Amino acid sequence: MEEIRLQKYLAECGVASRRKCEEYILQGDVQVNNKVVTELGTKVNPKKDIVKFKNKEVKIEEKHIYILLNKPIGYVTTVSDQFDRDAVLDLVKVKERIVPVGRLDMYTSGALILTNDGDFVFKVTHPKHEITKTYTVTLKGIIQANEIEQLQKGVKIDDYITKPAKVKILKTDLEKDISRIEITIHEGKNRQVRKMCEAIGKKVLALHRSKIGNIGVKDLKIGEWRYLKKEEIKGLM
């Protein structure tokens, strides 16, 4: 087998996306033949070299798997958590080493994909592919037409103007003083939907990601998961 770049090898092992693997290399988290390697140009021979990530040997999985989870509130979207909080990997018990594709914050529920295919992670999370994410948002207060228009055109969050979004009102309740809206975006900034709503003066009471692309979780109970179908994987790629 030909030599391949270390970050590509790690991604194919399912450690993380190629870009994230580059960070791990630079941080000194990767060893080749028991020596720490921090050069991004390093190449390895998968048949001869022993590669370790955080002192654990990693190998290319022969079979890639793709899982859709309906994430509950209260679970962090990390492989390991320094505060020992419940993590999404506690919900998905498979023999393969899998990682989340992107993130949902601890207090957001809904669609989350997990896989051991590093190239898939890279392609799905890269901004240029503009894969949509659809959220159902419950807000404090009755949302107004001009506020919907602001969200659709783009609002300022963290010195950044969000790209145009699709927004529609699902429900308003005058008695309870709440609104429920659906927002579809194709960006993935940290806590973006929450910050967008804060930018128009609305507090988020509940946030649920209902879809990634055309893949939804309405047929999955909270905490349940299933394997993605071939056509679903192909659609995302």
Protein backbone atom coordinates (compact mmCIF):
# COMPACT_ATOMS: atom_id res chain seq x y z
CA MET A 1 0.00 0.00 0.00
CA GLU A 2 1.24 3.50 -0.83
CA GLU A 3 2.14 5.98 1.83
CA ILE A 4 -0.55 8.55 2.68
CA ARG A 5 -0.51 11.77 4.67
CA LEU A 6 -0.90 11.25 8.39
CA GLN A 7 -3.98 13.49 8.70
CA LYS A 8 -5.73 11.58 5.91
CA TYR A 9 -4.91 8.27 7.60
CA LEU A 10 -6.30 9.50 10.92
CA ALA A 11 -9.47 10.71 9.21
CA GLU A 12 -9.95 7.34 7.51
CA CYS A 13 -9.52 5.71 10.91
CA GLY A 14 -12.52 7.72 12.06
CA VAL A 15 -10.62 9.87 14.57
CA ALA A 16 -12.13 13.12 13.25
CA SER A 17 -12.31 15.25 10.13
CA ARG A 18 -9.06 15.83 8.25
CA ARG A 19 -8.87 19.44 9.44
CA LYS A 20 -9.39 18.42 13.07
CA CYS A 21 -6.76 15.69 12.71
CA GLU A 22 -4.29 18.34 11.57
CA GLU A 23 -4.95 20.17 14.85
CA TYR A 24 -4.34 16.97 16.81
CA ILE A 25 -1.01 16.47 15.02
CA LEU A 26 0.12 20.02 15.74
CA GLN A 27 -0.91 19.59 19.40
CA GLY A 28 1.35 16.53 19.73
CA ASP A 29 -1.52 14.06 20.22
CA VAL A 30 -0.30 11.67 17.51
CA GLN A 31 2.53 9.13 17.53
CA VAL A 32 4.03 7.19 14.63
CA ASN A 33 6.04 4.14 15.66
CA ASN A 34 6.00 5.44 19.27
CA LYS A 35 7.41 8.86 18.36
CA VAL A 36 5.36 12.06 18.63
CA VAL A 37 4.90 13.63 15.20
CA THR A 38 3.94 17.29 14.74
CA GLU A 39 4.71 17.76 11.03
CA LEU A 40 1.64 17.93 8.78
CA GLY A 41 3.68 16.65 5.82
CA THR A 42 4.36 13.34 7.54
CA LYS A 43 3.37 10.25 5.54
CA VAL A 44 2.68 6.76 6.84
CA ASN A 45 2.41 3.28 5.40
CA PRO A 46 -0.83 1.79 6.79
CA LYS A 47 0.57 -1.74 6.48
CA LYS A 48 3.85 -1.11 8.28
CA ASP A 49 3.58 1.91 10.56
CA ILE A 50 1.93 1.91 13.98
CA VAL A 51 -0.10 5.08 14.49
CA LYS A 52 -1.43 6.09 17.89
CA PHE A 53 -3.88 8.85 18.81
CA LYS A 54 -3.67 9.89 22.45
CA ASN A 55 -1.63 6.73 23.15
CA LYS A 56 -4.20 4.40 21.58
CA GLU A 57 -3.45 2.61 18.34
CA VAL A 58 -5.80 3.47 15.49
CA LYS A 59 -6.41 1.53 12.30
CA ILE A 60 -8.48 2.11 9.20
CA GLU A 61 -11.93 0.58 9.59
CA GLU A 62 -12.77 -1.62 6.63
CA LYS A 63 -16.47 -0.87 6.92
CA HIS A 64 -17.81 2.67 7.23
CA ILE A 65 -21.01 3.19 9.18
CA TYR A 66 -23.34 6.19 9.28
CA ILE A 67 -25.79 6.69 12.13
CA LEU A 68 -28.62 9.16 12.69
CA LEU A 69 -29.39 9.95 16.35
CA ASN A 70 -32.26 11.95 17.77
CA LYS A 71 -30.17 13.58 20.49
CA PRO A 72 -31.81 14.31 23.85
CA ILE A 73 -31.22 17.50 25.83
CA GLY A 74 -28.47 17.12 28.43
CA TYR A 75 -25.93 15.23 26.31
CA VAL A 76 -22.71 16.79 25.04
CA THR A 77 -21.59 16.23 21.45
CA THR A 78 -18.00 15.21 22.14
CA VAL A 79 -16.06 11.95 22.02
CA SER A 80 -14.87 12.48 25.61
CA ASP A 81 -15.78 15.12 28.16
CA GLN A 82 -13.42 16.52 30.77
CA PHE A 83 -16.33 17.16 33.16
CA ASP A 84 -17.63 13.56 32.84
CA ARG A 85 -21.01 14.71 31.53
CA ASP A 86 -23.31 12.40 29.57
CA ALA A 87 -22.12 12.21 25.95
CA VAL A 88 -23.91 11.18 22.77
CA LEU A 89 -21.61 8.15 22.42
CA ASP A 90 -23.21 6.79 25.60
CA LEU A 91 -26.42 6.43 23.59
CA VAL A 92 -24.99 4.73 20.50
CA LYS A 93 -23.35 1.43 21.33
CA VAL A 94 -21.49 0.03 18.31
CA LYS A 95 -18.14 -1.74 18.01
CA GLU A 96 -16.80 0.81 15.53
CA ARG A 97 -15.03 3.98 16.73
CA ILE A 98 -17.43 6.76 15.67
CA VAL A 99 -17.41 10.53 15.97
CA PRO A 100 -20.17 13.16 15.73
CA VAL A 101 -20.52 15.04 12.44
CA GLY A 102 -20.63 18.63 13.68
CA ARG A 103 -22.13 19.56 17.02
CA LEU A 104 -25.31 20.32 18.90
CA ASP A 105 -24.99 22.14 22.19
CA MET A 106 -25.96 20.41 25.42
CA TYR A 107 -29.37 22.07 25.58
CA THR A 108 -30.36 21.39 21.96
CA SER A 109 -32.07 18.18 20.88
CA GLY A 110 -32.51 16.58 17.49
CA ALA A 111 -30.75 15.29 14.41
CA LEU A 112 -27.09 14.34 14.79
CA ILE A 113 -25.06 12.09 12.49
CA LEU A 114 -22.20 9.90 13.76
CA THR A 115 -19.73 7.99 11.61
CA ASN A 116 -16.25 6.46 11.35
CA ASP A 117 -15.72 7.95 7.87
CA GLY A 118 -13.42 10.97 8.24
CA ASP A 119 -13.82 12.05 4.62
CA PHE A 120 -17.60 12.08 5.08
CA VAL A 121 -17.20 14.31 8.15
CA PHE A 122 -15.05 16.71 6.14
CA LYS A 123 -17.44 16.91 3.20
CA VAL A 124 -20.60 17.30 5.28
CA THR A 125 -19.20 19.95 7.62
CA HIS A 126 -17.30 22.02 5.05
CA PRO A 127 -19.12 25.33 4.44
CA LYS A 128 -18.77 25.15 0.65
CA HIS A 129 -21.22 22.25 0.46
CA GLU A 130 -23.95 24.35 2.11
CA ILE A 131 -25.87 21.43 3.61
CA THR A 132 -29.01 22.80 5.23
CA LYS A 133 -29.99 22.31 8.86
CA THR A 134 -33.57 22.88 9.93
CA TYR A 135 -34.51 23.85 13.49
CA THR A 136 -37.76 24.18 15.40
CA VAL A 137 -37.41 27.05 17.87
CA THR A 138 -39.74 27.98 20.73
CA LEU A 139 -39.38 31.66 21.65
CA LYS A 140 -40.54 33.81 24.54
CA GLY A 141 -42.88 36.48 23.18
CA ILE A 142 -44.89 36.90 19.99
CA ILE A 143 -42.64 37.23 16.97
CA GLN A 144 -43.40 40.03 14.54
CA ALA A 145 -43.21 40.17 10.75
CA ASN A 146 -40.27 42.59 10.79
CA GLU A 147 -38.33 40.22 13.08
CA ILE A 148 -38.94 37.33 10.69
CA GLU A 149 -37.66 39.53 7.88
CA GLN A 150 -34.50 40.34 9.86
CA LEU A 151 -33.76 36.64 10.36
CA GLN A 152 -34.38 35.95 6.69
CA LYS A 153 -32.04 38.71 5.50
CA GLY A 154 -29.29 38.11 8.06
CA VAL A 155 -28.48 39.46 11.51
CA LYS A 156 -25.24 40.41 13.25
CA ILE A 157 -23.79 37.87 15.66
CA ASP A 158 -20.23 37.99 16.99
CA ASP A 159 -19.08 40.59 14.42
CA TYR A 160 -20.54 38.44 11.65
CA ILE A 161 -23.63 38.88 9.47
CA THR A 162 -25.48 35.61 9.00
CA LYS A 163 -26.34 34.50 5.50
CA PRO A 164 -30.01 34.53 4.37
CA ALA A 165 -32.17 31.97 6.16
CA LYS A 166 -35.57 30.43 5.53
CA VAL A 167 -37.96 31.23 8.37
CA LYS A 168 -41.64 30.46 8.91
CA ILE A 169 -44.03 30.77 11.84
CA LEU A 170 -45.41 27.45 13.06
CA LYS A 171 -47.46 28.72 16.00
CA THR A 172 -48.12 31.72 18.21
CA ASP A 173 -49.85 31.58 21.60
CA LEU A 174 -50.98 34.93 22.98
CA GLU A 175 -52.07 33.45 26.30
CA LYS A 176 -48.72 31.76 26.97
CA ASP A 177 -46.81 34.55 25.20
CA ILE A 178 -44.71 32.21 23.08
CA SER A 179 -43.97 31.66 19.41
CA ARG A 180 -42.75 28.59 17.56
CA ILE A 181 -40.82 29.08 14.34
CA GLU A 182 -38.85 26.98 11.87
CA ILE A 183 -35.42 28.21 10.75
CA THR A 184 -33.35 26.65 7.96
CA ILE A 185 -29.70 27.64 7.64
CA HIS A 186 -26.66 26.22 5.85
CA GLU A 187 -24.01 27.63 8.15
CA GLY A 188 -22.68 26.07 11.33
CA LYS A 189 -21.46 28.85 13.58
CA ASN A 190 -21.28 28.14 17.31
CA ARG A 191 -24.78 28.39 18.86
CA GLN A 192 -25.86 30.23 15.72
CA VAL A 193 -29.63 29.84 15.92
CA ARG A 194 -29.72 30.91 19.57
CA LYS A 195 -27.61 33.96 18.80
CA MET A 196 -29.74 34.85 15.76
CA CYS A 197 -32.85 34.88 17.95
CA GLU A 198 -31.08 36.90 20.64
CA ALA A 199 -30.12 39.42 17.93
CA ILE A 200 -33.82 40.20 17.37
CA GLY A 201 -34.50 40.38 21.10
CA LYS A 202 -36.09 36.96 21.53
CA LYS A 203 -35.15 34.41 24.19
CA VAL A 204 -34.98 30.77 23.08
CA LEU A 205 -37.02 28.49 25.34
CA ALA A 206 -36.44 25.28 23.37
CA LEU A 207 -34.36 24.32 20.33
CA HIS A 208 -34.61 21.16 18.26
CA ARG A 209 -32.82 20.29 15.01
CA SER A 210 -35.42 18.47 12.96
CA LYS A 211 -33.43 17.90 9.77
CA ILE A 212 -29.96 17.68 8.28
CA GLY A 213 -30.42 18.17 4.56
CA ASN A 214 -33.54 16.14 3.82
CA ILE A 215 -32.90 13.65 6.62
CA GLY A 216 -35.28 14.11 9.53
CA VAL A 217 -35.82 12.53 12.93
CA LYS A 218 -39.61 12.67 13.18
CA ASP A 219 -39.75 8.84 13.04
CA LEU A 220 -37.17 8.47 15.83
CA LYS A 221 -38.01 8.91 19.49
CA ILE A 222 -35.68 11.11 21.52
CA GLY A 223 -32.58 9.03 22.33
CA GLU A 224 -33.17 6.53 19.52
CA TRP A 225 -30.88 6.01 16.51
CA ARG A 226 -30.76 4.19 13.19
CA TYR A 227 -28.33 3.57 10.34
CA LEU A 228 -28.55 5.93 7.39
CA LYS A 229 -29.76 4.50 4.10
CA LYS A 230 -27.46 4.42 1.07
CA GLU A 231 -29.49 7.06 -0.75
CA GLU A 232 -29.36 9.33 2.32
CA ILE A 233 -25.57 9.06 2.50
CA LYS A 234 -25.27 9.70 -1.23
CA GLY A 235 -27.55 12.76 -0.92
CA LEU A 236 -25.32 14.32 1.75
CA MET A 237 -22.11 13.57 -0.16
